[in-house]
Each structure stands twice: as C-alpha cells, then as structure tokens.
PDB file of N, CA and C in Angstrom:
ATOM      1  N   MET A   1     -77.296  12.354  29.119  1.00  0.00           N
ATOM      2  CA  MET A   1     -78.575  12.652  28.506  1.00  0.00           C
ATOM      3  C   MET A   1     -78.712  14.142  28.245  1.00  0.00           C
ATOM      4  N   LYS A   2     -77.714  14.910  28.630  1.00  0.00           N
ATOM      5  CA  LYS A   2     -77.653  16.341  28.371  1.00  0.00           C
ATOM      6  C   LYS A   2     -78.791  17.130  29.037  1.00  0.00           C
ATOM      7  N   ASN A   3     -79.263  16.662  30.180  1.00  0.00           N
ATOM      8  CA  ASN A   3     -80.241  17.408  30.975  1.00  0.00           C
ATOM      9  C   ASN A   3     -79.477  18.255  31.981  1.00  0.00           C
ATOM     10  N   TYR A   4     -78.727  19.231  31.473  1.00  0.00           N
ATOM     11  CA  TYR A   4     -77.804  19.982  32.322  1.00  0.00           C
ATOM     12  C   TYR A   4     -78.513  20.810  33.381  1.00  0.00           C
ATOM     13  N   THR A   5     -79.674  21.336  33.074  1.00  0.00           N
ATOM     14  CA  THR A   5     -80.406  22.118  34.074  1.00  0.00           C
ATOM     15  C   THR A   5     -80.788  21.235  35.254  1.00  0.00           C
ATOM     16  N   GLU A   6     -81.286  20.042  34.980  1.00  0.00           N
ATOM     17  CA  GLU A   6     -81.620  19.102  36.045  1.00  0.00           C
ATOM     18  C   GLU A   6     -80.366  18.648  36.781  1.00  0.00           C
ATOM     19  N   THR A   7     -79.281  18.533  36.039  1.00  0.00           N
ATOM     20  CA  THR A   7     -78.011  18.134  36.631  1.00  0.00           C
ATOM     21  C   THR A   7     -77.543  19.150  37.660  1.00  0.00           C
ATOM     22  N   VAL A   8     -77.666  20.435  37.331  1.00  0.00           N
ATOM     23  CA  VAL A   8     -77.271  21.494  38.262  1.00  0.00           C
ATOM     24  C   VAL A   8     -78.066  21.376  39.552  1.00  0.00           C
ATOM     25  N   VAL A   9     -79.357  21.155  39.444  1.00  0.00           N
ATOM     26  CA  VAL A   9     -80.208  21.016  40.629  1.00  0.00           C
ATOM     27  C   VAL A   9     -79.758  19.806  41.457  1.00  0.00           C
ATOM     28  N   ALA A  10     -79.466  18.709  40.796  1.00  0.00           N
ATOM     29  CA  ALA A  10     -79.027  17.507  41.513  1.00  0.00           C
ATOM     30  C   ALA A  10     -77.709  17.750  42.246  1.00  0.00           C
ATOM     31  N   TYR A  11     -76.778  18.455  41.590  1.00  0.00           N
ATOM     32  CA  TYR A  11     -75.501  18.756  42.237  1.00  0.00           C
ATOM     33  C   TYR A  11     -75.690  19.687  43.428  1.00  0.00           C
ATOM     34  N   LYS A  12     -76.558  20.678  43.295  1.00  0.00           N
ATOM     35  CA  LYS A  12     -76.828  21.584  44.424  1.00  0.00           C
ATOM     36  C   LYS A  12     -77.380  20.796  45.599  1.00  0.00           C
ATOM     37  N   ASN A  13     -78.305  19.892  45.322  1.00  0.00           N
ATOM     38  CA  ASN A  13     -78.874  19.075  46.388  1.00  0.00           C
ATOM     39  C   ASN A  13     -77.825  18.166  47.016  1.00  0.00           C
ATOM     40  N   ALA A  14     -76.939  17.631  46.203  1.00  0.00           N
ATOM     41  CA  ALA A  14     -75.874  16.766  46.725  1.00  0.00           C
ATOM     42  C   ALA A  14     -74.957  17.541  47.660  1.00  0.00           C
ATOM     43  N   LEU A  15     -74.654  18.785  47.306  1.00  0.00           N
ATOM     44  CA  LEU A  15     -73.777  19.591  48.167  1.00  0.00           C
ATOM     45  C   LEU A  15     -74.456  19.964  49.480  1.00  0.00           C
ATOM     46  N   LYS A  16     -75.774  20.074  49.481  1.00  0.00           N
ATOM     47  CA  LYS A  16     -76.512  20.409  50.702  1.00  0.00           C
ATOM     48  C   LYS A  16     -76.704  19.197  51.607  1.00  0.00           C
ATOM     49  N   SER A  17     -76.578  18.009  51.045  1.00  0.00           N
ATOM     50  CA  SER A  17     -76.830  16.778  51.770  1.00  0.00           C
ATOM     51  C   SER A  17     -75.802  16.567  52.873  1.00  0.00           C
ATOM     52  N   LYS A  18     -76.261  16.016  53.985  1.00  0.00           N
ATOM     53  CA  LYS A  18     -75.350  15.702  55.081  1.00  0.00           C
ATOM     54  C   LYS A  18     -74.735  14.320  54.889  1.00  0.00           C
ATOM     55  N   ILE A  19     -75.275  13.570  53.959  1.00  0.00           N
ATOM     56  CA  ILE A  19     -74.747  12.243  53.669  1.00  0.00           C
ATOM     57  C   ILE A  19     -73.552  12.413  52.738  1.00  0.00           C
ATOM     58  N   THR A  20     -72.449  11.789  53.093  1.00  0.00           N
ATOM     59  CA  THR A  20     -71.249  11.919  52.260  1.00  0.00           C
ATOM     60  C   THR A  20     -70.971  10.605  51.542  1.00  0.00           C
ATOM     61  N   THR A  21     -70.202  10.712  50.501  1.00  0.00           N
ATOM     62  CA  THR A  21     -69.811   9.538  49.735  1.00  0.00           C
ATOM     63  C   THR A  21     -68.320   9.618  49.448  1.00  0.00           C
ATOM     64  N   LYS A  22     -67.693   8.477  49.397  1.00  0.00           N
ATOM     65  CA  LYS A  22     -66.273   8.454  49.061  1.00  0.00           C
ATOM     66  C   LYS A  22     -66.078   8.495  47.556  1.00  0.00           C
ATOM     67  N   GLU A  23     -67.147   8.231  46.818  1.00  0.00           N
ATOM     68  CA  GLU A  23     -67.037   8.195  45.362  1.00  0.00           C
ATOM     69  C   GLU A  23     -66.798   9.580  44.777  1.00  0.00           C
ATOM     70  N   TYR A  24     -67.481  10.595  45.316  1.00  0.00           N
ATOM     71  CA  TYR A  24     -67.355  11.961  44.812  1.00  0.00           C
ATOM     72  C   TYR A  24     -67.103  12.909  45.977  1.00  0.00           C
ATOM     73  N   SER A  25     -66.054  13.700  45.848  1.00  0.00           N
ATOM     74  CA  SER A  25     -65.802  14.711  46.872  1.00  0.00           C
ATOM     75  C   SER A  25     -66.693  15.916  46.595  1.00  0.00           C
ATOM     76  N   ASN A  26     -66.867  16.762  47.593  1.00  0.00           N
ATOM     77  CA  ASN A  26     -67.644  17.982  47.384  1.00  0.00           C
ATOM     78  C   ASN A  26     -66.976  18.883  46.350  1.00  0.00           C
ATOM     79  N   ALA A  27     -65.659  18.876  46.323  1.00  0.00           N
ATOM     80  CA  ALA A  27     -64.948  19.677  45.323  1.00  0.00           C
ATOM     81  C   ALA A  27     -65.291  19.201  43.915  1.00  0.00           C
ATOM     82  N   GLU A  28     -65.346  17.893  43.731  1.00  0.00           N
ATOM     83  CA  GLU A  28     -65.694  17.353  42.415  1.00  0.00           C
ATOM     84  C   GLU A  28     -67.137  17.686  42.047  1.00  0.00           C
ATOM     85  N   ILE A  29     -68.029  17.569  43.002  1.00  0.00           N
ATOM     86  CA  ILE A  29     -69.434  17.912  42.728  1.00  0.00           C
ATOM     87  C   ILE A  29     -69.552  19.386  42.359  1.00  0.00           C
ATOM     88  N   GLN A  30     -68.843  20.245  43.085  1.00  0.00           N
ATOM     89  CA  GLN A  30     -68.852  21.680  42.780  1.00  0.00           C
ATOM     90  C   GLN A  30     -68.317  21.912  41.364  1.00  0.00           C
ATOM     91  N   PHE A  31     -67.235  21.225  41.015  1.00  0.00           N
ATOM     92  CA  PHE A  31     -66.653  21.346  39.679  1.00  0.00           C
ATOM     93  C   PHE A  31     -67.646  20.883  38.617  1.00  0.00           C
ATOM     94  N   LEU A  32     -68.292  19.753  38.853  1.00  0.00           N
ATOM     95  CA  LEU A  32     -69.248  19.222  37.878  1.00  0.00           C
ATOM     96  C   LEU A  32     -70.447  20.150  37.709  1.00  0.00           C
ATOM     97  N   MET A  33     -70.862  20.801  38.799  1.00  0.00           N
ATOM     98  CA  MET A  33     -71.949  21.764  38.700  1.00  0.00           C
ATOM     99  C   MET A  33     -71.517  22.946  37.833  1.00  0.00           C
ATOM    100  N   ALA A  34     -70.302  23.427  38.041  1.00  0.00           N
ATOM    101  CA  ALA A  34     -69.771  24.513  37.211  1.00  0.00           C
ATOM    102  C   ALA A  34     -69.693  24.075  35.761  1.00  0.00           C
ATOM    103  N   ASP A  35     -69.256  22.851  35.554  1.00  0.00           N
ATOM    104  CA  ASP A  35     -69.144  22.302  34.206  1.00  0.00           C
ATOM    105  C   ASP A  35     -70.516  22.258  33.516  1.00  0.00           C
ATOM    106  N   ALA A  36     -71.541  21.896  34.258  1.00  0.00           N
ATOM    107  CA  ALA A  36     -72.894  21.870  33.682  1.00  0.00           C
ATOM    108  C   ALA A  36     -73.325  23.270  33.245  1.00  0.00           C
ATOM    109  N   HIS A  37     -73.028  24.273  34.065  1.00  0.00           N
ATOM    110  CA  HIS A  37     -73.327  25.655  33.669  1.00  0.00           C
ATOM    111  C   HIS A  37     -72.542  26.032  32.414  1.00  0.00           C
ATOM    112  N   HIS A  38     -71.301  25.605  32.356  1.00  0.00           N
ATOM    113  CA  HIS A  38     -70.465  25.870  31.188  1.00  0.00           C
ATOM    114  C   HIS A  38     -71.104  25.262  29.937  1.00  0.00           C
ATOM    115  N   LEU A  39     -71.574  24.023  30.046  1.00  0.00           N
ATOM    116  CA  LEU A  39     -72.213  23.348  28.916  1.00  0.00           C
ATOM    117  C   LEU A  39     -73.533  23.997  28.520  1.00  0.00           C
ATOM    118  N   LEU A  40     -74.164  24.680  29.468  1.00  0.00           N
ATOM    119  CA  LEU A  40     -75.399  25.421  29.182  1.00  0.00           C
ATOM    120  C   LEU A  40     -75.106  26.815  28.610  1.00  0.00           C
ATOM    121  N   ASN A  41     -73.813  27.119  28.424  1.00  0.00           N
ATOM    122  CA  ASN A  41     -73.368  28.436  27.945  1.00  0.00           C
ATOM    123  C   ASN A  41     -73.683  29.552  28.935  1.00  0.00           C
ATOM    124  N   HIS A  42     -73.783  29.220  30.198  1.00  0.00           N
ATOM    125  CA  HIS A  42     -73.947  30.195  31.285  1.00  0.00           C
ATOM    126  C   HIS A  42     -72.547  30.500  31.813  1.00  0.00           C
ATOM    127  N   TYR A  43     -71.782  31.224  31.013  1.00  0.00           N
ATOM    128  CA  TYR A  43     -70.358  31.380  31.291  1.00  0.00           C
ATOM    129  C   TYR A  43     -70.070  32.137  32.586  1.00  0.00           C
ATOM    130  N   GLU A  44     -70.813  33.194  32.850  1.00  0.00           N
ATOM    131  CA  GLU A  44     -70.566  33.964  34.070  1.00  0.00           C
ATOM    132  C   GLU A  44     -70.842  33.114  35.306  1.00  0.00           C
ATOM    133  N   THR A  45     -71.939  32.379  35.273  1.00  0.00           N
ATOM    134  CA  THR A  45     -72.269  31.500  36.392  1.00  0.00           C
ATOM    135  C   THR A  45     -71.247  30.380  36.511  1.00  0.00           C
ATOM    136  N   ALA A  46     -70.813  29.853  35.377  1.00  0.00           N
ATOM    137  CA  ALA A  46     -69.804  28.796  35.396  1.00  0.00           C
ATOM    138  C   ALA A  46     -68.533  29.285  36.074  1.00  0.00           C
ATOM    139  N   VAL A  47     -68.086  30.487  35.721  1.00  0.00           N
ATOM    140  CA  VAL A  47     -66.878  31.044  36.347  1.00  0.00           C
ATOM    141  C   VAL A  47     -67.081  31.171  37.854  1.00  0.00           C
ATOM    142  N   GLU A  48     -68.235  31.666  38.268  1.00  0.00           N
ATOM    143  CA  GLU A  48     -68.513  31.797  39.704  1.00  0.00           C
ATOM    144  C   GLU A  48     -68.454  30.442  40.399  1.00  0.00           C
ATOM    145  N   GLU A  49     -69.022  29.426  39.766  1.00  0.00           N
ATOM    146  CA  GLU A  49     -69.042  28.091  40.374  1.00  0.00           C
ATOM    147  C   GLU A  49     -67.656  27.447  40.357  1.00  0.00           C
ATOM    148  N   TYR A  50     -66.887  27.637  39.277  1.00  0.00           N
ATOM    149  CA  TYR A  50     -65.505  27.135  39.254  1.00  0.00           C
ATOM    150  C   TYR A  50     -64.687  27.812  40.342  1.00  0.00           C
ATOM    151  N   LEU A  51     -64.898  29.104  40.530  1.00  0.00           N
ATOM    152  CA  LEU A  51     -64.154  29.845  41.547  1.00  0.00           C
ATOM    153  C   LEU A  51     -64.442  29.316  42.945  1.00  0.00           C
ATOM    154  N   LYS A  52     -65.659  28.862  43.173  1.00  0.00           N
ATOM    155  CA  LYS A  52     -66.015  28.299  44.477  1.00  0.00           C
ATOM    156  C   LYS A  52     -65.169  27.076  44.803  1.00  0.00           C
ATOM    157  N   VAL A  53     -64.770  26.326  43.778  1.00  0.00           N
ATOM    158  CA  VAL A  53     -63.926  25.156  44.027  1.00  0.00           C
ATOM    159  C   VAL A  53     -62.653  25.586  44.744  1.00  0.00           C
ATOM    160  N   SER A  54     -62.082  26.702  44.275  1.00  0.00           N
ATOM    161  CA  SER A  54     -60.799  27.136  44.844  1.00  0.00           C
ATOM    162  C   SER A  54     -60.925  27.665  46.263  1.00  0.00           C
ATOM    163  N   TYR A  55     -62.012  28.353  46.579  1.00  0.00           N
ATOM    164  CA  TYR A  55     -62.070  28.904  47.943  1.00  0.00           C
ATOM    165  C   TYR A  55     -62.858  28.054  48.921  1.00  0.00           C
ATOM    166  N   LEU A  56     -63.707  27.153  48.453  1.00  0.00           N
ATOM    167  CA  LEU A  56     -64.401  26.266  49.384  1.00  0.00           C
ATOM    168  C   LEU A  56     -63.610  24.983  49.661  1.00  0.00           C
ATOM    169  N   TYR A  57     -62.806  24.572  48.666  1.00  0.00           N
ATOM    170  CA  TYR A  57     -62.090  23.296  48.782  1.00  0.00           C
ATOM    171  C   TYR A  57     -60.616  23.455  48.387  1.00  0.00           C
ATOM    172  N   PRO A  58     -59.896  24.368  49.019  1.00  0.00           N
ATOM    173  CA  PRO A  58     -58.514  24.645  48.602  1.00  0.00           C
ATOM    174  C   PRO A  58     -57.565  23.452  48.748  1.00  0.00           C
ATOM    175  N   LYS A  59     -57.910  22.487  49.582  1.00  0.00           N
ATOM    176  CA  LYS A  59     -57.038  21.325  49.766  1.00  0.00           C
ATOM    177  C   LYS A  59     -57.188  20.296  48.649  1.00  0.00           C
ATOM    178  N   ASP A  60     -58.258  20.394  47.883  1.00  0.00           N
ATOM    179  CA  ASP A  60     -58.464  19.490  46.747  1.00  0.00           C
ATOM    180  C   ASP A  60     -57.793  20.094  45.517  1.00  0.00           C
ATOM    181  N   VAL A  61     -56.468  20.086  45.558  1.00  0.00           N
ATOM    182  CA  VAL A  61     -55.645  20.805  44.585  1.00  0.00           C
ATOM    183  C   VAL A  61     -55.956  20.399  43.145  1.00  0.00           C
ATOM    184  N   ASN A  62     -56.148  19.116  42.899  1.00  0.00           N
ATOM    185  CA  ASN A  62     -56.419  18.694  41.522  1.00  0.00           C
ATOM    186  C   ASN A  62     -57.682  19.348  40.967  1.00  0.00           C
ATOM    187  N   TRP A  63     -58.714  19.426  41.779  1.00  0.00           N
ATOM    188  CA  TRP A  63     -59.963  20.054  41.322  1.00  0.00           C
ATOM    189  C   TRP A  63     -59.808  21.560  41.211  1.00  0.00           C
ATOM    190  N   VAL A  64     -59.037  22.154  42.099  1.00  0.00           N
ATOM    191  CA  VAL A  64     -58.780  23.596  42.031  1.00  0.00           C
ATOM    192  C   VAL A  64     -58.072  23.931  40.718  1.00  0.00           C
ATOM    193  N   ILE A  65     -57.046  23.159  40.388  1.00  0.00           N
ATOM    194  CA  ILE A  65     -56.312  23.407  39.145  1.00  0.00           C
ATOM    195  C   ILE A  65     -57.222  23.248  37.934  1.00  0.00           C
ATOM    196  N   LYS A  66     -58.007  22.185  37.918  1.00  0.00           N
ATOM    197  CA  LYS A  66     -58.931  21.970  36.797  1.00  0.00           C
ATOM    198  C   LYS A  66     -59.917  23.129  36.677  1.00  0.00           C
ATOM    199  N   ALA A  67     -60.400  23.602  37.814  1.00  0.00           N
ATOM    200  CA  ALA A  67     -61.347  24.722  37.793  1.00  0.00           C
ATOM    201  C   ALA A  67     -60.687  25.983  37.238  1.00  0.00           C
ATOM    202  N   TYR A  68     -59.475  26.266  37.676  1.00  0.00           N
ATOM    203  CA  TYR A  68     -58.757  27.436  37.149  1.00  0.00           C
ATOM    204  C   TYR A  68     -58.554  27.329  35.635  1.00  0.00           C
ATOM    205  N   LEU A  69     -58.190  26.148  35.167  1.00  0.00           N
ATOM    206  CA  LEU A  69     -57.970  25.984  33.729  1.00  0.00           C
ATOM    207  C   LEU A  69     -59.258  26.163  32.931  1.00  0.00           C
ATOM    208  N   ARG A  70     -60.374  25.687  33.459  1.00  0.00           N
ATOM    209  CA  ARG A  70     -61.659  25.892  32.772  1.00  0.00           C
ATOM    210  C   ARG A  70     -62.032  27.372  32.756  1.00  0.00           C
ATOM    211  N   MET A  71     -61.788  28.046  33.891  1.00  0.00           N
ATOM    212  CA  MET A  71     -62.074  29.487  33.951  1.00  0.00           C
ATOM    213  C   MET A  71     -61.232  30.230  32.917  1.00  0.00           C
ATOM    214  N   ALA A  72     -59.961  29.896  32.860  1.00  0.00           N
ATOM    215  CA  ALA A  72     -59.062  30.572  31.920  1.00  0.00           C
ATOM    216  C   ALA A  72     -59.524  30.363  30.486  1.00  0.00           C
ATOM    217  N   ARG A  73     -59.997  29.168  30.174  1.00  0.00           N
ATOM    218  CA  ARG A  73     -60.505  28.899  28.821  1.00  0.00           C
ATOM    219  C   ARG A  73     -61.723  29.770  28.509  1.00  0.00           C
ATOM    220  N   ILE A  74     -62.607  29.908  29.474  1.00  0.00           N
ATOM    221  CA  ILE A  74     -63.773  30.778  29.273  1.00  0.00           C
ATOM    222  C   ILE A  74     -63.309  32.205  29.012  1.00  0.00           C
ATOM    223  N   PHE A  75     -62.363  32.680  29.814  1.00  0.00           N
ATOM    224  CA  PHE A  75     -61.848  34.040  29.634  1.00  0.00           C
ATOM    225  C   PHE A  75     -61.194  34.206  28.268  1.00  0.00           C
ATOM    226  N   GLU A  76     -60.425  33.224  27.848  1.00  0.00           N
ATOM    227  CA  GLU A  76     -59.795  33.303  26.524  1.00  0.00           C
ATOM    228  C   GLU A  76     -60.840  33.355  25.419  1.00  0.00           C
ATOM    229  N   ASN A  77     -61.819  32.477  25.503  1.00  0.00           N
ATOM    230  CA  ASN A  77     -62.865  32.451  24.470  1.00  0.00           C
ATOM    231  C   ASN A  77     -63.616  33.768  24.383  1.00  0.00           C
ATOM    232  N   ASP A  78     -63.710  34.460  25.504  1.00  0.00           N
ATOM    233  CA  ASP A  78     -64.393  35.753  25.551  1.00  0.00           C
ATOM    234  C   ASP A  78     -63.414  36.919  25.370  1.00  0.00           C
ATOM    235  N   GLU A  79     -62.160  36.580  25.078  1.00  0.00           N
ATOM    236  CA  GLU A  79     -61.088  37.558  24.881  1.00  0.00           C
ATOM    237  C   GLU A  79     -60.904  38.479  26.087  1.00  0.00           C
ATOM    238  N   GLN A  80     -61.121  37.933  27.259  1.00  0.00           N
ATOM    239  CA  GLN A  80     -60.839  38.631  28.512  1.00  0.00           C
ATOM    240  C   GLN A  80     -59.415  38.250  28.918  1.00  0.00           C
ATOM    241  N   TRP A  81     -58.457  38.824  28.212  1.00  0.00           N
ATOM    242  CA  TRP A  81     -57.070  38.391  28.320  1.00  0.00           C
ATOM    243  C   TRP A  81     -56.470  38.629  29.701  1.00  0.00           C
ATOM    244  N   GLU A  82     -56.802  39.735  30.324  1.00  0.00           N
ATOM    245  CA  GLU A  82     -56.240  40.009  31.653  1.00  0.00           C
ATOM    246  C   GLU A  82     -56.753  38.985  32.665  1.00  0.00           C
ATOM    247  N   ASN A  83     -58.042  38.645  32.598  1.00  0.00           N
ATOM    248  CA  ASN A  83     -58.586  37.623  33.497  1.00  0.00           C
ATOM    249  C   ASN A  83     -57.953  36.260  33.219  1.00  0.00           C
ATOM    250  N   ALA A  84     -57.726  35.945  31.948  1.00  0.00           N
ATOM    251  CA  ALA A  84     -57.070  34.683  31.604  1.00  0.00           C
ATOM    252  C   ALA A  84     -55.656  34.671  32.165  1.00  0.00           C
ATOM    253  N   ARG A  85     -54.956  35.766  32.007  1.00  0.00           N
ATOM    254  CA  ARG A  85     -53.580  35.878  32.501  1.00  0.00           C
ATOM    255  C   ARG A  85     -53.541  35.663  34.019  1.00  0.00           C
ATOM    256  N   ILE A  86     -54.414  36.344  34.733  1.00  0.00           N
ATOM    257  CA  ILE A  86     -54.468  36.214  36.196  1.00  0.00           C
ATOM    258  C   ILE A  86     -54.751  34.773  36.607  1.00  0.00           C
ATOM    259  N   THR A  87     -55.666  34.140  35.898  1.00  0.00           N
ATOM    260  CA  THR A  87     -56.062  32.778  36.240  1.00  0.00           C
ATOM    261  C   THR A  87     -54.952  31.780  35.959  1.00  0.00           C
ATOM    262  N   TYR A  88     -54.276  31.927  34.818  1.00  0.00           N
ATOM    263  CA  TYR A  88     -53.143  31.034  34.537  1.00  0.00           C
ATOM    264  C   TYR A  88     -52.039  31.208  35.565  1.00  0.00           C
ATOM    265  N   LYS A  89     -51.833  32.435  36.042  1.00  0.00           N
ATOM    266  CA  LYS A  89     -50.811  32.667  37.068  1.00  0.00           C
ATOM    267  C   LYS A  89     -51.160  31.935  38.360  1.00  0.00           C
ATOM    268  N   LYS A  90     -52.445  31.781  38.642  1.00  0.00           N
ATOM    269  CA  LYS A  90     -52.853  31.036  39.834  1.00  0.00           C
ATOM    270  C   LYS A  90     -52.473  29.568  39.725  1.00  0.00           C
ATOM    271  N   VAL A  91     -52.479  29.034  38.508  1.00  0.00           N
ATOM    272  CA  VAL A  91     -52.088  27.638  38.308  1.00  0.00           C
ATOM    273  C   VAL A  91     -50.590  27.470  38.535  1.00  0.00           C
ATOM    274  N   LEU A  92     -49.809  28.484  38.190  1.00  0.00           N
ATOM    275  CA  LEU A  92     -48.356  28.402  38.342  1.00  0.00           C
ATOM    276  C   LEU A  92     -47.928  28.229  39.792  1.00  0.00           C
ATOM    277  N   VAL A  93     -48.753  28.656  40.718  1.00  0.00           N
ATOM    278  CA  VAL A  93     -48.432  28.544  42.145  1.00  0.00           C
ATOM    279  C   VAL A  93     -48.273  27.078  42.552  1.00  0.00           C
ATOM    280  N   PHE A  94     -49.001  26.209  41.874  1.00  0.00           N
ATOM    281  CA  PHE A  94     -48.971  24.784  42.207  1.00  0.00           C
ATOM    282  C   PHE A  94     -47.813  24.102  41.489  1.00  0.00           C
ATOM    283  N   ASP A  95     -47.203  23.180  42.163  1.00  0.00           N
ATOM    284  CA  ASP A  95     -46.155  22.382  41.544  1.00  0.00           C
ATOM    285  C   ASP A  95     -46.831  21.174  40.909  1.00  0.00           C
ATOM    286  N   ALA A  96     -47.412  21.402  39.722  1.00  0.00           N
ATOM    287  CA  ALA A  96     -48.189  20.357  39.063  1.00  0.00           C
ATOM    288  C   ALA A  96     -47.838  20.314  37.580  1.00  0.00           C
ATOM    289  N   ASP A  97     -48.183  19.215  36.948  1.00  0.00           N
ATOM    290  CA  ASP A  97     -47.935  19.077  35.509  1.00  0.00           C
ATOM    291  C   ASP A  97     -48.614  20.186  34.722  1.00  0.00           C
ATOM    292  N   GLU A  98     -49.777  20.615  35.181  1.00  0.00           N
ATOM    293  CA  GLU A  98     -50.539  21.645  34.477  1.00  0.00           C
ATOM    294  C   GLU A  98     -49.849  23.012  34.513  1.00  0.00           C
ATOM    295  N   SER A  99     -48.898  23.190  35.406  1.00  0.00           N
ATOM    296  CA  SER A  99     -48.181  24.466  35.491  1.00  0.00           C
ATOM    297  C   SER A  99     -47.425  24.760  34.202  1.00  0.00           C
ATOM    298  N   LYS A 100     -46.890  23.743  33.580  1.00  0.00           N
ATOM    299  CA  LYS A 100     -46.173  23.924  32.312  1.00  0.00           C
ATOM    300  C   LYS A 100     -47.147  24.431  31.239  1.00  0.00           C
ATOM    301  N   PHE A 101     -48.315  23.832  31.176  1.00  0.00           N
ATOM    302  CA  PHE A 101     -49.339  24.265  30.219  1.00  0.00           C
ATOM    303  C   PHE A 101     -49.733  25.715  30.486  1.00  0.00           C
ATOM    304  N   ALA A 102     -49.950  26.038  31.761  1.00  0.00           N
ATOM    305  CA  ALA A 102     -50.329  27.407  32.120  1.00  0.00           C
ATOM    306  C   ALA A 102     -49.244  28.396  31.705  1.00  0.00           C
ATOM    307  N   GLN A 103     -47.979  28.021  31.893  1.00  0.00           N
ATOM    308  CA  GLN A 103     -46.888  28.906  31.489  1.00  0.00           C
ATOM    309  C   GLN A 103     -46.864  29.091  29.973  1.00  0.00           C
ATOM    310  N   GLU A 104     -47.119  28.038  29.236  1.00  0.00           N
ATOM    311  CA  GLU A 104     -47.182  28.135  27.771  1.00  0.00           C
ATOM    312  C   GLU A 104     -48.313  29.079  27.335  1.00  0.00           C
ATOM    313  N   LYS A 105     -49.444  28.977  27.992  1.00  0.00           N
ATOM    314  CA  LYS A 105     -50.576  29.858  27.664  1.00  0.00           C
ATOM    315  C   LYS A 105     -50.244  31.306  28.008  1.00  0.00           C
ATOM    316  N   LEU A 106     -49.609  31.515  29.153  1.00  0.00           N
ATOM    317  CA  LEU A 106     -49.192  32.864  29.537  1.00  0.00           C
ATOM    318  C   LEU A 106     -48.204  33.436  28.527  1.00  0.00           C
ATOM    319  N   ASP A 107     -47.250  32.626  28.114  1.00  0.00           N
ATOM    320  CA  ASP A 107     -46.267  33.076  27.123  1.00  0.00           C
ATOM    321  C   ASP A 107     -46.958  33.464  25.820  1.00  0.00           C
ATOM    322  N   TRP A 108     -47.940  32.656  25.401  1.00  0.00           N
ATOM    323  CA  TRP A 108     -48.665  32.977  24.165  1.00  0.00           C
ATOM    324  C   TRP A 108     -49.416  34.290  24.296  1.00  0.00           C
ATOM    325  N   ILE A 109     -50.102  34.483  25.424  1.00  0.00           N
ATOM    326  CA  ILE A 109     -50.841  35.722  25.649  1.00  0.00           C
ATOM    327  C   ILE A 109     -49.888  36.911  25.620  1.00  0.00           C
ATOM    328  N   GLU A 110     -48.771  36.792  26.314  1.00  0.00           N
ATOM    329  CA  GLU A 110     -47.787  37.888  26.348  1.00  0.00           C
ATOM    330  C   GLU A 110     -47.252  38.206  24.951  1.00  0.00           C
ATOM    331  N   GLU A 111     -47.091  37.185  24.144  1.00  0.00           N
ATOM    332  CA  GLU A 111     -46.502  37.353  22.811  1.00  0.00           C
ATOM    333  C   GLU A 111     -47.495  37.891  21.777  1.00  0.00           C
ATOM    334  N   HIS A 112     -48.778  37.505  21.910  1.00  0.00           N
ATOM    335  CA  HIS A 112     -49.745  37.800  20.852  1.00  0.00           C
ATOM    336  C   HIS A 112     -50.802  38.849  21.192  1.00  0.00           C
ATOM    337  N   ILE A 113     -50.946  39.170  22.454  1.00  0.00           N
ATOM    338  CA  ILE A 113     -52.005  40.106  22.848  1.00  0.00           C
ATOM    339  C   ILE A 113     -51.385  41.412  23.312  1.00  0.00           C
ATOM    340  N   GLN A 114     -51.872  42.488  22.750  1.00  0.00           N
ATOM    341  CA  GLN A 114     -51.393  43.816  23.149  1.00  0.00           C
ATOM    342  C   GLN A 114     -52.032  44.192  24.468  1.00  0.00           C
ATOM    343  N   PRO A 115     -51.238  44.756  25.407  1.00  0.00           N
ATOM    344  CA  PRO A 115     -51.806  45.160  26.707  1.00  0.00           C
ATOM    345  C   PRO A 115     -52.762  46.328  26.576  1.00  0.00           C
TER     346      PRO A 115
END
C-alpha cells in the first residue's frame, strides 16, 4: 500500500518487541526497515539502517550481503565511488554467489571512474 512511513514505525516496534517469530528474523526486519527508508528517498537514513544489519546481525550473512549491495547501489547512484568501492569489497569477504557480482562492479568502477 506504499505507506512506508507507517511501515518504518511498525518495523521499529517489531524490533523492540520481546515476542519473536520464526517467520521473520530481526536481521530481515532491520533490512526491510532500511528498505522502507530507501523507498522514501531517505538515502542517508537507509544507509545507516542497512549498516545496522551488518553489525547487529553479523551471523545472518544473507541479509548482511543484501544490505551491503543496497548500500553500494545508493552510493553509486549518488556517485560516491569510494564508498561504493569499500562496500563492494565487504561483499567479497563472503564466499557467496553475490561476490562475483561485487567483483564485476568493482572492476567497472576501477575501469571507468578516475580516482
């Protein structure tokens, strides 16, 4: 329904709740909250919330990788090439399918962007 502001509030409340669910992990809720900020064009806040996925839930590797990739996309769109480069390098640490994509993006940045 695209009520992203209300969605952010609901996700914040879900993370504060002591009741847990197997359907959604806290890492996923944190990611979805960041995603809602991203959809609201609150890019700085979105990056902060995506970053929380990596340091609050480091064992949820799939969500950490997704968060890094979303952050890198925000940085690219804003032409913050050094931040994008750093973020893609964080994905390379993981032995995941997304590492190949991150390497391709890094190669493109190195080839097309002047330092």
